[in-house]
Amino acid sequence: MDSSITRTGEQAVRVRRATARDAKRLTRIVRSSRAYEAPYAAMVDGYRVGPDYIEAHRVFVAVGPEDLALGFYALTLVPPELDLMFVADAAQGLGIGRLLVAHMKDEARAAGLTSVRVVSHPPAEGFYLGVGAVRTGTEAANPPAVMWDRPELAFPIG
């Protein structure tokens, strides 16, 4: 589905289904994220959004002019979860995250979901709360993969 054509700032932005050809660009967004510096760096060190992941999941990318990747998300239906969501550092503050969340909610609604779980990166919790998620608990650290507790939230889908 190619949808959500909107204006964010002065540039037209659209959300489209990611393809295997987007894998390197999405991986670059993850690995270069300032949100994962310092103590969080190990979480994305070597992380890869591969073509196989893109083909197996509902991955959508927000693109600007000339198909510039501005951010992306991955929605799993079983269980219903926002598995990944990243906005490129250069696109932070432009409404891309809000656009992606709105698109994710539309996709979830179309799939018949009533709620979508999010295990948040701790610094992103405020963003998720600001776009309609509610806190449901805490996901305990799981060393060595994840060394810190993370907020668990849910988006009600109505």
C-alpha atoms as a PDB file:
ATOM      1  CA  MET A   1       0.000   0.000   0.000  1.00  0.00           C
ATOM      2  CA  ASP A   2       1.357   3.423  -0.946  1.00  0.00           C
ATOM      3  CA  SER A   3      -0.416   6.024   1.143  1.00  0.00           C
ATOM      4  CA  SER A   4      -0.229   8.891   3.606  1.00  0.00           C
ATOM      5  CA  ILE A   5       0.891  11.540   1.180  1.00  0.00           C
ATOM      6  CA  THR A   6       1.107  14.686   3.272  1.00  0.00           C
ATOM      7  CA  ARG A   7       3.115  17.820   3.744  1.00  0.00           C
ATOM      8  CA  THR A   8       5.568  17.886   6.600  1.00  0.00           C
ATOM      9  CA  GLY A   9       7.212  21.285   6.724  1.00  0.00           C
ATOM     10  CA  GLU A  10       7.663  22.366   3.106  1.00  0.00           C
ATOM     11  CA  GLN A  11       8.367  18.946   1.609  1.00  0.00           C
ATOM     12  CA  ALA A  12       5.949  16.294   0.419  1.00  0.00           C
ATOM     13  CA  VAL A  13       6.396  13.110   2.414  1.00  0.00           C
ATOM     14  CA  ARG A  14       4.760   9.785   1.710  1.00  0.00           C
ATOM     15  CA  VAL A  15       4.758   6.440   3.453  1.00  0.00           C
ATOM     16  CA  ARG A  16       5.190   3.363   1.293  1.00  0.00           C
ATOM     17  CA  ARG A  17       5.839  -0.304   1.819  1.00  0.00           C
ATOM     18  CA  ALA A  18       9.568  -0.955   2.163  1.00  0.00           C
ATOM     19  CA  THR A  19      11.236  -3.298  -0.298  1.00  0.00           C
ATOM     20  CA  ALA A  20      14.373  -5.394  -0.084  1.00  0.00           C
ATOM     21  CA  ARG A  21      16.166  -2.581  -1.933  1.00  0.00           C
ATOM     22  CA  ASP A  22      15.608  -0.333   1.124  1.00  0.00           C
ATOM     23  CA  ALA A  23      17.524  -2.626   3.502  1.00  0.00           C
ATOM     24  CA  LYS A  24      20.838  -0.759   3.463  1.00  0.00           C
ATOM     25  CA  ARG A  25      19.177   2.623   3.913  1.00  0.00           C
ATOM     26  CA  LEU A  26      17.069   1.420   6.841  1.00  0.00           C
ATOM     27  CA  THR A  27      20.095  -0.228   8.443  1.00  0.00           C
ATOM     28  CA  ARG A  28      21.984   3.066   8.106  1.00  0.00           C
ATOM     29  CA  ILE A  29      19.158   4.933   9.886  1.00  0.00           C
ATOM     30  CA  VAL A  30      19.318   2.456  12.786  1.00  0.00           C
ATOM     31  CA  ARG A  31      23.089   2.371  13.148  1.00  0.00           C
ATOM     32  CA  SER A  32      23.556   6.138  12.900  1.00  0.00           C
ATOM     33  CA  SER A  33      20.791   7.047  15.350  1.00  0.00           C
ATOM     34  CA  ARG A  34      21.930   9.524  18.020  1.00  0.00           C
ATOM     35  CA  ALA A  35      19.302   7.994  20.293  1.00  0.00           C
ATOM     36  CA  TYR A  36      21.565   4.954  20.557  1.00  0.00           C
ATOM     37  CA  GLU A  37      24.781   6.672  21.602  1.00  0.00           C
ATOM     38  CA  ALA A  38      26.728   6.124  24.824  1.00  0.00           C
ATOM     39  CA  PRO A  39      25.209   3.402  26.999  1.00  0.00           C
ATOM     40  CA  TYR A  40      22.741   2.366  24.293  1.00  0.00           C
ATOM     41  CA  ALA A  41      25.294   1.988  21.470  1.00  0.00           C
ATOM     42  CA  ALA A  42      25.709  -1.755  21.973  1.00  0.00           C
ATOM     43  CA  MET A  43      22.028  -2.264  21.176  1.00  0.00           C
ATOM     44  CA  VAL A  44      22.455  -1.265  17.523  1.00  0.00           C
ATOM     45  CA  ASP A  45      26.114  -2.148  17.014  1.00  0.00           C
ATOM     46  CA  GLY A  46      26.086  -4.516  14.056  1.00  0.00           C
ATOM     47  CA  TYR A  47      22.274  -4.377  13.803  1.00  0.00           C
ATOM     48  CA  ARG A  48      20.978  -5.078  10.314  1.00  0.00           C
ATOM     49  CA  VAL A  49      17.560  -4.576   8.744  1.00  0.00           C
ATOM     50  CA  GLY A  50      17.922  -7.232   6.086  1.00  0.00           C
ATOM     51  CA  PRO A  51      15.926  -7.882   2.927  1.00  0.00           C
ATOM     52  CA  ASP A  52      14.590 -11.058   4.546  1.00  0.00           C
ATOM     53  CA  TYR A  53      13.239  -9.055   7.515  1.00  0.00           C
ATOM     54  CA  ILE A  54      11.591  -6.550   5.173  1.00  0.00           C
ATOM     55  CA  GLU A  55       9.960  -9.300   3.137  1.00  0.00           C
ATOM     56  CA  ALA A  56       8.728 -11.183   6.225  1.00  0.00           C
ATOM     57  CA  HIS A  57       7.227  -8.189   8.076  1.00  0.00           C
ATOM     58  CA  ARG A  58       5.061  -5.151   7.454  1.00  0.00           C
ATOM     59  CA  VAL A  59       7.828  -2.590   7.073  1.00  0.00           C
ATOM     60  CA  PHE A  60       6.937   0.903   5.891  1.00  0.00           C
ATOM     61  CA  VAL A  61       9.268   3.780   5.069  1.00  0.00           C
ATOM     62  CA  ALA A  62       8.595   7.519   5.056  1.00  0.00           C
ATOM     63  CA  VAL A  63      10.236   9.064   2.027  1.00  0.00           C
ATOM     64  CA  GLY A  64      10.713  12.610   0.889  1.00  0.00           C
ATOM     65  CA  PRO A  65      11.732  14.056  -2.440  1.00  0.00           C
ATOM     66  CA  GLU A  66      13.845  11.765  -4.609  1.00  0.00           C
ATOM     67  CA  ASP A  67      12.795   8.829  -2.393  1.00  0.00           C
ATOM     68  CA  LEU A  68      15.022   9.987   0.496  1.00  0.00           C
ATOM     69  CA  ALA A  69      14.375   7.664   3.470  1.00  0.00           C
ATOM     70  CA  LEU A  70      13.338   9.777   6.466  1.00  0.00           C
ATOM     71  CA  GLY A  71      12.227   7.028   8.848  1.00  0.00           C
ATOM     72  CA  PHE A  72      10.545   3.656   9.035  1.00  0.00           C
ATOM     73  CA  TYR A  73       8.596   1.250  11.192  1.00  0.00           C
ATOM     74  CA  ALA A  74       7.880  -2.469  11.331  1.00  0.00           C
ATOM     75  CA  LEU A  75       4.531  -3.804  12.507  1.00  0.00           C
ATOM     76  CA  THR A  76       4.046  -7.452  13.422  1.00  0.00           C
ATOM     77  CA  LEU A  77       0.501  -8.786  13.568  1.00  0.00           C
ATOM     78  CA  VAL A  78       1.109 -11.895  15.681  1.00  0.00           C
ATOM     79  CA  PRO A  79       1.686 -10.767  18.303  1.00  0.00           C
ATOM     80  CA  PRO A  80       0.578  -7.202  17.512  1.00  0.00           C
ATOM     81  CA  GLU A  81       3.702  -5.151  18.118  1.00  0.00           C
ATOM     82  CA  LEU A  82       5.562  -2.140  16.810  1.00  0.00           C
ATOM     83  CA  ASP A  83       8.833  -4.009  16.387  1.00  0.00           C
ATOM     84  CA  LEU A  84      11.003  -1.177  15.054  1.00  0.00           C
ATOM     85  CA  MET A  85      10.572   2.549  14.592  1.00  0.00           C
ATOM     86  CA  PHE A  86      13.333   4.967  13.678  1.00  0.00           C
ATOM     87  CA  VAL A  87      13.438   8.493  12.296  1.00  0.00           C
ATOM     88  CA  ALA A  88      16.649   9.665  10.632  1.00  0.00           C
ATOM     89  CA  ASP A  89      18.492  12.176  12.803  1.00  0.00           C
ATOM     90  CA  ALA A  90      18.268  14.857  10.089  1.00  0.00           C
ATOM     91  CA  ALA A  91      14.472  14.416   9.991  1.00  0.00           C
ATOM     92  CA  GLN A  92      13.903  14.663  13.758  1.00  0.00           C
ATOM     93  CA  GLY A  93      11.342  17.312  14.719  1.00  0.00           C
ATOM     94  CA  LEU A  94       9.678  17.427  11.293  1.00  0.00           C
ATOM     95  CA  GLY A  95       6.626  15.318  12.170  1.00  0.00           C
ATOM     96  CA  ILE A  96       7.932  12.122  10.556  1.00  0.00           C
ATOM     97  CA  GLY A  97       7.486  10.088  13.745  1.00  0.00           C
ATOM     98  CA  ARG A  98       3.891  11.268  14.137  1.00  0.00           C
ATOM     99  CA  LEU A  99       3.223  10.459  10.478  1.00  0.00           C
ATOM    100  CA  LEU A 100       4.642   6.946  10.908  1.00  0.00           C
ATOM    101  CA  VAL A 101       2.596   6.314  14.064  1.00  0.00           C
ATOM    102  CA  ALA A 102      -0.603   7.480  12.341  1.00  0.00           C
ATOM    103  CA  HIS A 103       0.169   5.188   9.408  1.00  0.00           C
ATOM    104  CA  MET A 104       0.904   2.284  11.767  1.00  0.00           C
ATOM    105  CA  LYS A 105      -2.437   2.802  13.526  1.00  0.00           C
ATOM    106  CA  ASP A 106      -4.241   2.783  10.171  1.00  0.00           C
ATOM    107  CA  GLU A 107      -2.470  -0.447   9.184  1.00  0.00           C
ATOM    108  CA  ALA A 108      -3.299  -2.019  12.561  1.00  0.00           C
ATOM    109  CA  ARG A 109      -6.955  -0.972  12.280  1.00  0.00           C
ATOM    110  CA  ALA A 110      -7.179  -2.395   8.744  1.00  0.00           C
ATOM    111  CA  ALA A 111      -5.729  -5.676  10.044  1.00  0.00           C
ATOM    112  CA  GLY A 112      -8.417  -5.840  12.762  1.00  0.00           C
ATOM    113  CA  LEU A 113      -6.078  -5.214  15.690  1.00  0.00           C
ATOM    114  CA  THR A 114      -7.394  -3.575  18.862  1.00  0.00           C
ATOM    115  CA  SER A 115      -4.015  -2.755  20.413  1.00  0.00           C
ATOM    116  CA  VAL A 116      -0.351  -2.632  19.403  1.00  0.00           C
ATOM    117  CA  ARG A 117       2.380  -3.257  21.971  1.00  0.00           C
ATOM    118  CA  VAL A 118       5.606  -1.243  22.044  1.00  0.00           C
ATOM    119  CA  VAL A 119       8.694  -2.061  24.072  1.00  0.00           C
ATOM    120  CA  SER A 120      10.296   1.354  23.956  1.00  0.00           C
ATOM    121  CA  HIS A 121      13.847   2.561  23.925  1.00  0.00           C
ATOM    122  CA  PRO A 122      13.870   4.445  27.273  1.00  0.00           C
ATOM    123  CA  PRO A 123      14.531   7.909  25.762  1.00  0.00           C
ATOM    124  CA  ALA A 124      11.630   7.410  23.290  1.00  0.00           C
ATOM    125  CA  GLU A 125       8.961   6.807  25.932  1.00  0.00           C
ATOM    126  CA  GLY A 126       7.906  10.470  26.023  1.00  0.00           C
ATOM    127  CA  PHE A 127       7.396  10.484  22.261  1.00  0.00           C
ATOM    128  CA  TYR A 128       5.187   7.399  22.366  1.00  0.00           C
ATOM    129  CA  LEU A 129       3.124   8.790  25.249  1.00  0.00           C
ATOM    130  CA  GLY A 130       2.741  12.038  23.291  1.00  0.00           C
ATOM    131  CA  VAL A 131       1.290  10.243  20.272  1.00  0.00           C
ATOM    132  CA  GLY A 132      -1.280   8.218  22.174  1.00  0.00           C
ATOM    133  CA  ALA A 133       0.430   5.190  23.684  1.00  0.00           C
ATOM    134  CA  VAL A 134      -0.291   4.281  27.301  1.00  0.00           C
ATOM    135  CA  ARG A 135       2.203   2.805  29.735  1.00  0.00           C
ATOM    136  CA  THR A 136       1.403  -0.840  30.539  1.00  0.00           C
ATOM    137  CA  GLY A 137       4.500  -2.021  32.384  1.00  0.00           C
ATOM    138  CA  THR A 138       8.227  -2.598  32.191  1.00  0.00           C
ATOM    139  CA  GLU A 139      10.183  -5.093  30.127  1.00  0.00           C
ATOM    140  CA  ALA A 140      13.044  -6.319  32.302  1.00  0.00           C
ATOM    141  CA  ALA A 141      16.631  -6.180  31.098  1.00  0.00           C
ATOM    142  CA  ASN A 142      17.757  -9.263  29.198  1.00  0.00           C
ATOM    143  CA  PRO A 143      21.585  -9.328  29.276  1.00  0.00           C
ATOM    144  CA  PRO A 144      23.668  -9.487  27.235  1.00  0.00           C
ATOM    145  CA  ALA A 145      21.306  -8.330  24.451  1.00  0.00           C
ATOM    146  CA  VAL A 146      19.614  -5.565  26.459  1.00  0.00           C
ATOM    147  CA  MET A 147      21.267  -4.286  29.612  1.00  0.00           C
ATOM    148  CA  TRP A 148      18.481  -2.000  30.886  1.00  0.00           C
ATOM    149  CA  ASP A 149      14.798  -2.155  31.705  1.00  0.00           C
ATOM    150  CA  ARG A 150      12.524  -0.716  29.020  1.00  0.00           C
ATOM    151  CA  PRO A 151       9.067   0.870  29.190  1.00  0.00           C
ATOM    152  CA  GLU A 152       6.250  -1.279  27.823  1.00  0.00           C
ATOM    153  CA  LEU A 153       3.416   0.647  26.216  1.00  0.00           C
ATOM    154  CA  ALA A 154       0.392  -0.001  24.044  1.00  0.00           C
ATOM    155  CA  PHE A 155      -1.391   1.938  21.335  1.00  0.00           C
ATOM    156  CA  PRO A 156      -5.152   1.466  21.595  1.00  0.00           C
ATOM    157  CA  ILE A 157      -6.536   0.988  18.095  1.00  0.00           C
ATOM    158  CA  GLY A 158     -10.109   2.137  17.754  1.00  0.00           C
END
